Structures are given as structure tokens and as C-alpha cells.
Amino acid sequence: MQIYQLETGVTADYATTELAKYIEKMCGERAEFRCQRGENGIVLGLFETLGLSFEGIENPELDDAYEVKVDGFRGYIAGSNIRSILYGVYAYLKAAGC
């Protein structure tokens, strides 16, 4: 299982470690972290980095929005800001039964 962390900073690191921790608890599979986007795994990044639309978001730094598109362990969790990526991780984990 791969997690691709495209952003840097304490909150981005925390979002990645939280996702990895709960995936390991749910599946018994240890996640590896990467800084470059790959083919298989879950990508964590900003809307801007992933080329997603900011439509409807007045101020991306202040307004929290996220998008989760994960099927199995492939896809992305994106946020309008770094904090929103963490919110997206928690939404994904809640949907997965955590």
C-alpha cells in the first residue's frame, strides 16, 4: 500500500500518518510513504496540485473543502488547503468504518 504525500508541513505529515495508522489497523497492511505521485496508492494533495477546480470556494486558504475519490486503495484525497486534506482523510476513514 502506497500513500503519496504531495504537500509538506506538519499538518500534511499528520494527515499521512493518520491515514497510514488506520489503514494498518483496518487491513493489517503497512503503508509506505512517497513524495512523488505514483500509479497505485492514495494520493494526498491540494486541489491546485492535483489540477482540481476551486469552483464555489471563495477563499481556499480559509474555506475548508475536500474531495475524496478512492476505490479500494487507489485514488486521491484532496483539499482546498492543507488542513482540508486532514478533514478529507478523516471523512475517508469514517466512510471506511473507523
PDB file of N, CA and C in Angstrom:
ATOM      1  N   MET A   1       0.843  -1.179   0.000  1.00  0.00           N
ATOM      2  CA  MET A   1       0.000   0.000   0.000  1.00  0.00           C
ATOM      3  C   MET A   1       0.884   1.235   0.000  1.00  0.00           C
ATOM      4  N   GLN A   2       0.633   2.130  -0.920  1.00  0.00           N
ATOM      5  CA  GLN A   2       1.405   3.365  -1.060  1.00  0.00           C
ATOM      6  C   GLN A   2       0.535   4.572  -0.709  1.00  0.00           C
ATOM      7  N   ILE A   3       1.121   5.523  -0.014  1.00  0.00           N
ATOM      8  CA  ILE A   3       0.492   6.819   0.209  1.00  0.00           C
ATOM      9  C   ILE A   3       1.446   7.852  -0.374  1.00  0.00           C
ATOM     10  N   TYR A   4       0.938   8.654  -1.291  1.00  0.00           N
ATOM     11  CA  TYR A   4       1.741   9.679  -1.942  1.00  0.00           C
ATOM     12  C   TYR A   4       1.390  11.035  -1.344  1.00  0.00           C
ATOM     13  N   GLN A   5       2.291  11.596  -0.555  1.00  0.00           N
ATOM     14  CA  GLN A   5       2.096  12.885   0.096  1.00  0.00           C
ATOM     15  C   GLN A   5       2.737  13.954  -0.775  1.00  0.00           C
ATOM     16  N   LEU A   6       1.900  14.763  -1.432  1.00  0.00           N
ATOM     17  CA  LEU A   6       2.412  15.751  -2.367  1.00  0.00           C
ATOM     18  C   LEU A   6       2.678  17.106  -1.727  1.00  0.00           C
ATOM     19  N   GLU A   7       2.221  17.302  -0.500  1.00  0.00           N
ATOM     20  CA  GLU A   7       2.413  18.584   0.189  1.00  0.00           C
ATOM     21  C   GLU A   7       3.351  18.386   1.372  1.00  0.00           C
ATOM     22  N   THR A   8       3.878  19.479   1.888  1.00  0.00           N
ATOM     23  CA  THR A   8       4.797  19.412   3.017  1.00  0.00           C
ATOM     24  C   THR A   8       4.235  20.174   4.207  1.00  0.00           C
ATOM     25  N   GLY A   9       4.806  19.912   5.362  1.00  0.00           N
ATOM     26  CA  GLY A   9       4.417  20.613   6.575  1.00  0.00           C
ATOM     27  C   GLY A   9       3.877  19.660   7.626  1.00  0.00           C
ATOM     28  N   VAL A  10       3.750  20.181   8.823  1.00  0.00           N
ATOM     29  CA  VAL A  10       3.323  19.376   9.970  1.00  0.00           C
ATOM     30  C   VAL A  10       1.940  18.776   9.747  1.00  0.00           C
ATOM     31  N   THR A  11       0.997  19.561   9.261  1.00  0.00           N
ATOM     32  CA  THR A  11      -0.370  19.064   9.076  1.00  0.00           C
ATOM     33  C   THR A  11      -0.443  18.026   7.965  1.00  0.00           C
ATOM     34  N   ALA A  12       0.297  18.238   6.890  1.00  0.00           N
ATOM     35  CA  ALA A  12       0.338  17.253   5.804  1.00  0.00           C
ATOM     36  C   ALA A  12       0.946  15.942   6.293  1.00  0.00           C
ATOM     37  N   ASP A  13       2.021  16.054   7.072  1.00  0.00           N
ATOM     38  CA  ASP A  13       2.643  14.855   7.647  1.00  0.00           C
ATOM     39  C   ASP A  13       1.667  14.118   8.559  1.00  0.00           C
ATOM     40  N   TYR A  14       0.921  14.877   9.360  1.00  0.00           N
ATOM     41  CA  TYR A  14      -0.036  14.277  10.289  1.00  0.00           C
ATOM     42  C   TYR A  14      -1.150  13.555   9.528  1.00  0.00           C
ATOM     43  N   ALA A  15      -1.655  14.177   8.467  1.00  0.00           N
ATOM     44  CA  ALA A  15      -2.704  13.544   7.661  1.00  0.00           C
ATOM     45  C   ALA A  15      -2.212  12.214   7.100  1.00  0.00           C
ATOM     46  N   THR A  16      -0.982  12.188   6.626  1.00  0.00           N
ATOM     47  CA  THR A  16      -0.406  10.963   6.063  1.00  0.00           C
ATOM     48  C   THR A  16      -0.242   9.889   7.134  1.00  0.00           C
ATOM     49  N   THR A  17       0.282  10.257   8.288  1.00  0.00           N
ATOM     50  CA  THR A  17       0.491   9.249   9.337  1.00  0.00           C
ATOM     51  C   THR A  17      -0.832   8.745   9.900  1.00  0.00           C
ATOM     52  N   GLU A  18      -1.834   9.598   9.995  1.00  0.00           N
ATOM     53  CA  GLU A  18      -3.156   9.148  10.446  1.00  0.00           C
ATOM     54  C   GLU A  18      -3.748   8.143   9.466  1.00  0.00           C
ATOM     55  N   LEU A  19      -3.681   8.458   8.183  1.00  0.00           N
ATOM     56  CA  LEU A  19      -4.201   7.540   7.172  1.00  0.00           C
ATOM     57  C   LEU A  19      -3.473   6.200   7.244  1.00  0.00           C
ATOM     58  N   ALA A  20      -2.161   6.246   7.317  1.00  0.00           N
ATOM     59  CA  ALA A  20      -1.366   5.015   7.379  1.00  0.00           C
ATOM     60  C   ALA A  20      -1.684   4.205   8.631  1.00  0.00           C
ATOM     61  N   LYS A  21      -1.811   4.884   9.760  1.00  0.00           N
ATOM     62  CA  LYS A  21      -2.080   4.204  11.031  1.00  0.00           C
ATOM     63  C   LYS A  21      -3.402   3.436  10.977  1.00  0.00           C
ATOM     64  N   TYR A  22      -4.438   4.072  10.460  1.00  0.00           N
ATOM     65  CA  TYR A  22      -5.745   3.414  10.446  1.00  0.00           C
ATOM     66  C   TYR A  22      -5.872   2.377   9.344  1.00  0.00           C
ATOM     67  N   ILE A  23      -5.188   2.558   8.237  1.00  0.00           N
ATOM     68  CA  ILE A  23      -5.175   1.504   7.212  1.00  0.00           C
ATOM     69  C   ILE A  23      -4.519   0.254   7.778  1.00  0.00           C
ATOM     70  N   GLU A  24      -3.433   0.437   8.513  1.00  0.00           N
ATOM     71  CA  GLU A  24      -2.770  -0.720   9.124  1.00  0.00           C
ATOM     72  C   GLU A  24      -3.692  -1.396  10.138  1.00  0.00           C
ATOM     73  N   LYS A  25      -4.422  -0.621  10.935  1.00  0.00           N
ATOM     74  CA  LYS A  25      -5.346  -1.205  11.909  1.00  0.00           C
ATOM     75  C   LYS A  25      -6.495  -1.934  11.222  1.00  0.00           C
ATOM     76  N   MET A  26      -6.992  -1.384  10.109  1.00  0.00           N
ATOM     77  CA  MET A  26      -8.122  -2.000   9.415  1.00  0.00           C
ATOM     78  C   MET A  26      -7.713  -3.234   8.617  1.00  0.00           C
ATOM     79  N   CYS A  27      -6.557  -3.168   7.962  1.00  0.00           N
ATOM     80  CA  CYS A  27      -6.190  -4.207   6.997  1.00  0.00           C
ATOM     81  C   CYS A  27      -4.979  -5.032   7.387  1.00  0.00           C
ATOM     82  N   GLY A  28      -4.258  -4.584   8.381  1.00  0.00           N
ATOM     83  CA  GLY A  28      -3.034  -5.274   8.736  1.00  0.00           C
ATOM     84  C   GLY A  28      -1.915  -5.049   7.735  1.00  0.00           C
ATOM     85  N   GLU A  29      -2.109  -4.096   6.847  1.00  0.00           N
ATOM     86  CA  GLU A  29      -1.119  -3.811   5.809  1.00  0.00           C
ATOM     87  C   GLU A  29      -0.414  -2.497   6.127  1.00  0.00           C
ATOM     88  N   ARG A  30       0.907  -2.534   6.126  1.00  0.00           N
ATOM     89  CA  ARG A  30       1.705  -1.342   6.424  1.00  0.00           C
ATOM     90  C   ARG A  30       1.823  -0.477   5.168  1.00  0.00           C
ATOM     91  N   ALA A  31       1.615   0.813   5.330  1.00  0.00           N
ATOM     92  CA  ALA A  31       1.703   1.745   4.207  1.00  0.00           C
ATOM     93  C   ALA A  31       3.105   2.328   4.091  1.00  0.00           C
ATOM     94  N   GLU A  32       3.524   2.547   2.864  1.00  0.00           N
ATOM     95  CA  GLU A  32       4.787   3.217   2.584  1.00  0.00           C
ATOM     96  C   GLU A  32       4.477   4.623   2.090  1.00  0.00           C
ATOM     97  N   PHE A  33       5.299   5.585   2.486  1.00  0.00           N
ATOM     98  CA  PHE A  33       5.100   6.979   2.089  1.00  0.00           C
ATOM     99  C   PHE A  33       6.018   7.315   0.928  1.00  0.00           C
ATOM    100  N   ARG A  34       5.506   8.079   0.005  1.00  0.00           N
ATOM    101  CA  ARG A  34       6.279   8.572  -1.132  1.00  0.00           C
ATOM    102  C   ARG A  34       5.968  10.059  -1.311  1.00  0.00           C
ATOM    103  N   CYS A  35       6.890  10.787  -1.901  1.00  0.00           N
ATOM    104  CA  CYS A  35       6.691  12.213  -2.149  1.00  0.00           C
ATOM    105  C   CYS A  35       6.299  12.503  -3.591  1.00  0.00           C
ATOM    106  N   GLN A  36       6.415  11.539  -4.475  1.00  0.00           N
ATOM    107  CA  GLN A  36       6.030  11.727  -5.859  1.00  0.00           C
ATOM    108  C   GLN A  36       4.820  10.868  -6.160  1.00  0.00           C
ATOM    109  N   ARG A  37       3.986  11.374  -7.014  1.00  0.00           N
ATOM    110  CA  ARG A  37       2.759  10.675  -7.372  1.00  0.00           C
ATOM    111  C   ARG A  37       3.066   9.417  -8.162  1.00  0.00           C
ATOM    112  N   GLY A  38       2.382   8.329  -7.806  1.00  0.00           N
ATOM    113  CA  GLY A  38       2.564   7.061  -8.488  1.00  0.00           C
ATOM    114  C   GLY A  38       1.252   6.528  -9.021  1.00  0.00           C
ATOM    115  N   GLU A  39       1.301   5.357  -9.571  1.00  0.00           N
ATOM    116  CA  GLU A  39       0.138   4.740 -10.200  1.00  0.00           C
ATOM    117  C   GLU A  39      -0.808   4.079  -9.198  1.00  0.00           C
ATOM    118  N   ASN A  40      -0.266   3.350  -8.250  1.00  0.00           N
ATOM    119  CA  ASN A  40      -1.087   2.600  -7.310  1.00  0.00           C
ATOM    120  C   ASN A  40      -0.931   3.188  -5.917  1.00  0.00           C
ATOM    121  N   GLY A  41      -2.029   3.526  -5.286  1.00  0.00           N
ATOM    122  CA  GLY A  41      -1.987   4.059  -3.941  1.00  0.00           C
ATOM    123  C   GLY A  41      -2.953   5.218  -3.792  1.00  0.00           C
ATOM    124  N   ILE A  42      -2.872   5.860  -2.644  1.00  0.00           N
ATOM    125  CA  ILE A  42      -3.722   7.006  -2.344  1.00  0.00           C
ATOM    126  C   ILE A  42      -2.852   8.249  -2.351  1.00  0.00           C
ATOM    127  N   VAL A  43      -3.261   9.233  -3.125  1.00  0.00           N
ATOM    128  CA  VAL A  43      -2.546  10.495  -3.244  1.00  0.00           C
ATOM    129  C   VAL A  43      -3.203  11.520  -2.326  1.00  0.00           C
ATOM    130  N   LEU A  44      -2.388  12.220  -1.532  1.00  0.00           N
ATOM    131  CA  LEU A  44      -2.867  13.310  -0.687  1.00  0.00           C
ATOM    132  C   LEU A  44      -2.285  14.604  -1.229  1.00  0.00           C
ATOM    133  N   GLY A  45      -3.151  15.555  -1.594  1.00  0.00           N
ATOM    134  CA  GLY A  45      -2.646  16.806  -2.155  1.00  0.00           C
ATOM    135  C   GLY A  45      -3.692  17.897  -2.169  1.00  0.00           C
ATOM    136  N   LEU A  46      -3.238  19.079  -2.520  1.00  0.00           N
ATOM    137  CA  LEU A  46      -4.127  20.226  -2.657  1.00  0.00           C
ATOM    138  C   LEU A  46      -4.871  20.166  -3.982  1.00  0.00           C
ATOM    139  N   PHE A  47      -6.048  20.790  -4.026  1.00  0.00           N
ATOM    140  CA  PHE A  47      -6.793  20.877  -5.288  1.00  0.00           C
ATOM    141  C   PHE A  47      -5.875  21.385  -6.396  1.00  0.00           C
ATOM    142  N   GLU A  48      -5.144  22.462  -6.088  1.00  0.00           N
ATOM    143  CA  GLU A  48      -4.266  23.086  -7.070  1.00  0.00           C
ATOM    144  C   GLU A  48      -3.210  22.106  -7.589  1.00  0.00           C
ATOM    145  N   THR A  49      -2.578  21.376  -6.696  1.00  0.00           N
ATOM    146  CA  THR A  49      -1.538  20.419  -7.073  1.00  0.00           C
ATOM    147  C   THR A  49      -2.103  19.315  -7.965  1.00  0.00           C
ATOM    148  N   LEU A  50      -3.333  18.890  -7.679  1.00  0.00           N
ATOM    149  CA  LEU A  50      -3.952  17.794  -8.431  1.00  0.00           C
ATOM    150  C   LEU A  50      -4.746  18.275  -9.646  1.00  0.00           C
ATOM    151  N   GLY A  51      -4.769  19.593  -9.875  1.00  0.00           N
ATOM    152  CA  GLY A  51      -5.471  20.138 -11.031  1.00  0.00           C
ATOM    153  C   GLY A  51      -6.982  20.100 -10.904  1.00  0.00           C
ATOM    154  N   LEU A  52      -7.483  20.170  -9.664  1.00  0.00           N
ATOM    155  CA  LEU A  52      -8.926  20.141  -9.436  1.00  0.00           C
ATOM    156  C   LEU A  52      -9.482  21.564  -9.335  1.00  0.00           C
ATOM    157  N   SER A  53     -10.753  21.708  -9.591  1.00  0.00           N
ATOM    158  CA  SER A  53     -11.411  23.012  -9.618  1.00  0.00           C
ATOM    159  C   SER A  53     -11.645  23.581  -8.219  1.00  0.00           C
ATOM    160  N   PHE A  54     -11.478  24.890  -8.119  1.00  0.00           N
ATOM    161  CA  PHE A  54     -11.793  25.618  -6.890  1.00  0.00           C
ATOM    162  C   PHE A  54     -13.198  26.215  -6.949  1.00  0.00           C
ATOM    163  N   GLU A  55     -14.000  25.833  -7.926  1.00  0.00           N
ATOM    164  CA  GLU A  55     -15.323  26.405  -8.134  1.00  0.00           C
ATOM    165  C   GLU A  55     -16.156  26.338  -6.852  1.00  0.00           C
ATOM    166  N   GLY A  56     -16.728  27.463  -6.484  1.00  0.00           N
ATOM    167  CA  GLY A  56     -17.567  27.535  -5.293  1.00  0.00           C
ATOM    168  C   GLY A  56     -16.806  27.790  -4.002  1.00  0.00           C
ATOM    169  N   ILE A  57     -15.497  27.889  -4.090  1.00  0.00           N
ATOM    170  CA  ILE A  57     -14.685  28.146  -2.900  1.00  0.00           C
ATOM    171  C   ILE A  57     -14.190  29.584  -2.987  1.00  0.00           C
ATOM    172  N   GLU A  58     -14.708  30.431  -2.112  1.00  0.00           N
ATOM    173  CA  GLU A  58     -14.379  31.853  -2.166  1.00  0.00           C
ATOM    174  C   GLU A  58     -12.921  32.128  -1.810  1.00  0.00           C
ATOM    175  N   ASN A  59     -12.463  31.541  -0.703  1.00  0.00           N
ATOM    176  CA  ASN A  59     -11.090  31.757  -0.260  1.00  0.00           C
ATOM    177  C   ASN A  59     -10.501  30.398   0.140  1.00  0.00           C
ATOM    178  N   PRO A  60      -9.736  29.771  -0.742  1.00  0.00           N
ATOM    179  CA  PRO A  60      -9.215  28.425  -0.473  1.00  0.00           C
ATOM    180  C   PRO A  60      -8.376  28.305   0.796  1.00  0.00           C
ATOM    181  N   GLU A  61      -7.717  29.368   1.209  1.00  0.00           N
ATOM    182  CA  GLU A  61      -6.914  29.312   2.433  1.00  0.00           C
ATOM    183  C   GLU A  61      -7.781  29.263   3.682  1.00  0.00           C
ATOM    184  N   LEU A  62      -8.947  29.882   3.636  1.00  0.00           N
ATOM    185  CA  LEU A  62      -9.823  29.947   4.809  1.00  0.00           C
ATOM    186  C   LEU A  62     -10.998  28.982   4.734  1.00  0.00           C
ATOM    187  N   ASP A  63     -11.520  28.778   3.548  1.00  0.00           N
ATOM    188  CA  ASP A  63     -12.702  27.928   3.367  1.00  0.00           C
ATOM    189  C   ASP A  63     -12.266  26.481   3.177  1.00  0.00           C
ATOM    190  N   ASP A  64     -12.721  25.626   4.059  1.00  0.00           N
ATOM    191  CA  ASP A  64     -12.334  24.220   4.001  1.00  0.00           C
ATOM    192  C   ASP A  64     -13.242  23.450   3.051  1.00  0.00           C
ATOM    193  N   ALA A  65     -12.610  22.796   2.098  1.00  0.00           N
ATOM    194  CA  ALA A  65     -13.315  21.909   1.170  1.00  0.00           C
ATOM    195  C   ALA A  65     -12.382  20.753   0.861  1.00  0.00           C
ATOM    196  N   TYR A  66     -12.962  19.583   0.667  1.00  0.00           N
ATOM    197  CA  TYR A  66     -12.150  18.424   0.308  1.00  0.00           C
ATOM    198  C   TYR A  66     -12.922  17.553  -0.658  1.00  0.00           C
ATOM    199  N   GLU A  67     -12.192  16.721  -1.359  1.00  0.00           N
ATOM    200  CA  GLU A  67     -12.783  15.757  -2.286  1.00  0.00           C
ATOM    201  C   GLU A  67     -12.072  14.428  -2.081  1.00  0.00           C
ATOM    202  N   VAL A  68     -12.858  13.373  -1.930  1.00  0.00           N
ATOM    203  CA  VAL A  68     -12.314  12.036  -1.737  1.00  0.00           C
ATOM    204  C   VAL A  68     -12.771  11.172  -2.903  1.00  0.00           C
ATOM    205  N   LYS A  69     -11.829  10.670  -3.656  1.00  0.00           N
ATOM    206  CA  LYS A  69     -12.101   9.747  -4.764  1.00  0.00           C
ATOM    207  C   LYS A  69     -11.149   8.569  -4.610  1.00  0.00           C
ATOM    208  N   VAL A  70     -11.554   7.613  -3.797  1.00  0.00           N
ATOM    209  CA  VAL A  70     -10.715   6.437  -3.540  1.00  0.00           C
ATOM    210  C   VAL A  70     -11.562   5.197  -3.774  1.00  0.00           C
ATOM    211  N   ASP A  71     -11.044   4.284  -4.565  1.00  0.00           N
ATOM    212  CA  ASP A  71     -11.693   2.999  -4.819  1.00  0.00           C
ATOM    213  C   ASP A  71     -10.683   1.928  -4.422  1.00  0.00           C
ATOM    214  N   GLY A  72     -11.011   1.191  -3.371  1.00  0.00           N
ATOM    215  CA  GLY A  72     -10.030   0.258  -2.829  1.00  0.00           C
ATOM    216  C   GLY A  72      -8.929   1.080  -2.187  1.00  0.00           C
ATOM    217  N   PHE A  73      -7.735   0.919  -2.647  1.00  0.00           N
ATOM    218  CA  PHE A  73      -6.619   1.737  -2.159  1.00  0.00           C
ATOM    219  C   PHE A  73      -5.976   2.499  -3.314  1.00  0.00           C
ATOM    220  N   ARG A  74      -6.817   2.965  -4.239  1.00  0.00           N
ATOM    221  CA  ARG A  74      -6.336   3.754  -5.377  1.00  0.00           C
ATOM    222  C   ARG A  74      -7.204   4.988  -5.515  1.00  0.00           C
ATOM    223  N   GLY A  75      -6.559   6.137  -5.645  1.00  0.00           N
ATOM    224  CA  GLY A  75      -7.296   7.367  -5.845  1.00  0.00           C
ATOM    225  C   GLY A  75      -6.633   8.525  -5.137  1.00  0.00           C
ATOM    226  N   TYR A  76      -7.455   9.517  -4.757  1.00  0.00           N
ATOM    227  CA  TYR A  76      -6.887  10.697  -4.117  1.00  0.00           C
ATOM    228  C   TYR A  76      -7.803  11.252  -3.033  1.00  0.00           C
ATOM    229  N   ILE A  77      -7.184  11.976  -2.140  1.00  0.00           N
ATOM    230  CA  ILE A  77      -7.875  12.790  -1.147  1.00  0.00           C
ATOM    231  C   ILE A  77      -7.275  14.175  -1.299  1.00  0.00           C
ATOM    232  N   ALA A  78      -8.100  15.142  -1.699  1.00  0.00           N
ATOM    233  CA  ALA A  78      -7.618  16.491  -1.984  1.00  0.00           C
ATOM    234  C   ALA A  78      -8.321  17.499  -1.083  1.00  0.00           C
ATOM    235  N   GLY A  79      -7.634  18.593  -0.822  1.00  0.00           N
ATOM    236  CA  GLY A  79      -8.201  19.656  -0.012  1.00  0.00           C
ATOM    237  C   GLY A  79      -7.916  21.015  -0.604  1.00  0.00           C
ATOM    238  N   SER A  80      -8.751  21.993  -0.221  1.00  0.00           N
ATOM    239  CA  SER A  80      -8.544  23.367  -0.672  1.00  0.00           C
ATOM    240  C   SER A  80      -7.341  23.993   0.022  1.00  0.00           C
ATOM    241  N   ASN A  81      -6.984  23.454   1.180  1.00  0.00           N
ATOM    242  CA  ASN A  81      -5.803  23.871   1.925  1.00  0.00           C
ATOM    243  C   ASN A  81      -5.282  22.642   2.666  1.00  0.00           C
ATOM    244  N   ILE A  82      -4.140  22.767   3.309  1.00  0.00           N
ATOM    245  CA  ILE A  82      -3.529  21.602   3.975  1.00  0.00           C
ATOM    246  C   ILE A  82      -4.459  21.032   5.051  1.00  0.00           C
ATOM    247  N   ARG A  83      -5.078  21.904   5.816  1.00  0.00           N
ATOM    248  CA  ARG A  83      -5.993  21.471   6.883  1.00  0.00           C
ATOM    249  C   ARG A  83      -7.138  20.635   6.299  1.00  0.00           C
ATOM    250  N   SER A  84      -7.611  21.026   5.136  1.00  0.00           N
ATOM    251  CA  SER A  84      -8.726  20.317   4.492  1.00  0.00           C
ATOM    252  C   SER A  84      -8.346  18.911   4.036  1.00  0.00           C
ATOM    253  N   ILE A  85      -7.074  18.702   3.732  1.00  0.00           N
ATOM    254  CA  ILE A  85      -6.619  17.342   3.391  1.00  0.00           C
ATOM    255  C   ILE A  85      -6.832  16.431   4.598  1.00  0.00           C
ATOM    256  N   LEU A  86      -6.512  16.916   5.787  1.00  0.00           N
ATOM    257  CA  LEU A  86      -6.725  16.132   7.010  1.00  0.00           C
ATOM    258  C   LEU A  86      -8.212  15.846   7.203  1.00  0.00           C
ATOM    259  N   TYR A  87      -9.067  16.843   6.970  1.00  0.00           N
ATOM    260  CA  TYR A  87     -10.510  16.607   7.052  1.00  0.00           C
ATOM    261  C   TYR A  87     -10.944  15.528   6.063  1.00  0.00           C
ATOM    262  N   GLY A  88     -10.370  15.557   4.863  1.00  0.00           N
ATOM    263  CA  GLY A  88     -10.692  14.549   3.855  1.00  0.00           C
ATOM    264  C   GLY A  88     -10.251  13.154   4.276  1.00  0.00           C
ATOM    265  N   VAL A  89      -9.079  13.066   4.916  1.00  0.00           N
ATOM    266  CA  VAL A  89      -8.600  11.775   5.428  1.00  0.00           C
ATOM    267  C   VAL A  89      -9.589  11.232   6.454  1.00  0.00           C
ATOM    268  N   TYR A  90     -10.034  12.089   7.367  1.00  0.00           N
ATOM    269  CA  TYR A  90     -10.985  11.635   8.386  1.00  0.00           C
ATOM    270  C   TYR A  90     -12.327  11.249   7.772  1.00  0.00           C
ATOM    271  N   ALA A  91     -12.769  11.953   6.741  1.00  0.00           N
ATOM    272  CA  ALA A  91     -14.025  11.593   6.067  1.00  0.00           C
ATOM    273  C   ALA A  91     -13.873  10.217   5.402  1.00  0.00           C
ATOM    274  N   TYR A  92     -12.736   9.970   4.771  1.00  0.00           N
ATOM    275  CA  TYR A  92     -12.479   8.683   4.135  1.00  0.00           C
ATOM    276  C   TYR A  92     -12.484   7.563   5.186  1.00  0.00           C
ATOM    277  N   LEU A  93     -11.798   7.792   6.285  1.00  0.00           N
ATOM    278  CA  LEU A  93     -11.722   6.773   7.335  1.00  0.00           C
ATOM    279  C   LEU A  93     -13.089   6.511   7.954  1.00  0.00           C
ATOM    280  N   LYS A  94     -13.879   7.555   8.133  1.00  0.00           N
ATOM    281  CA  LYS A  94     -15.234   7.372   8.680  1.00  0.00           C
ATOM    282  C   LYS A  94     -16.087   6.546   7.710  1.00  0.00           C
ATOM    283  N   ALA A  95     -15.984   6.842   6.428  1.00  0.00           N
ATOM    284  CA  ALA A  95     -16.731   6.079   5.428  1.00  0.00           C
ATOM    285  C   ALA A  95     -16.281   4.613   5.372  1.00  0.00           C
ATOM    286  N   ALA A  96     -15.020   4.389   5.728  1.00  0.00           N
ATOM    287  CA  ALA A  96     -14.467   3.021   5.737  1.00  0.00           C
ATOM    288  C   ALA A  96     -14.809   2.272   7.014  1.00  0.00           C
ATOM    289  N   GLY A  97     -15.489   2.946   7.944  1.00  0.00           N
ATOM    290  CA  GLY A  97     -15.932   2.261   9.162  1.00  0.00           C
ATOM    291  C   GLY A  97     -15.135   2.568  10.398  1.00  0.00           C
ATOM    292  N   CYS A  98     -14.223   3.490  10.322  1.00  0.00           N
ATOM    293  CA  CYS A  98     -13.438   3.839  11.533  1.00  0.00           C
ATOM    294  C   CYS A  98     -14.225   4.783  12.428  1.00  0.00           C
TER     295      CYS A  98
END
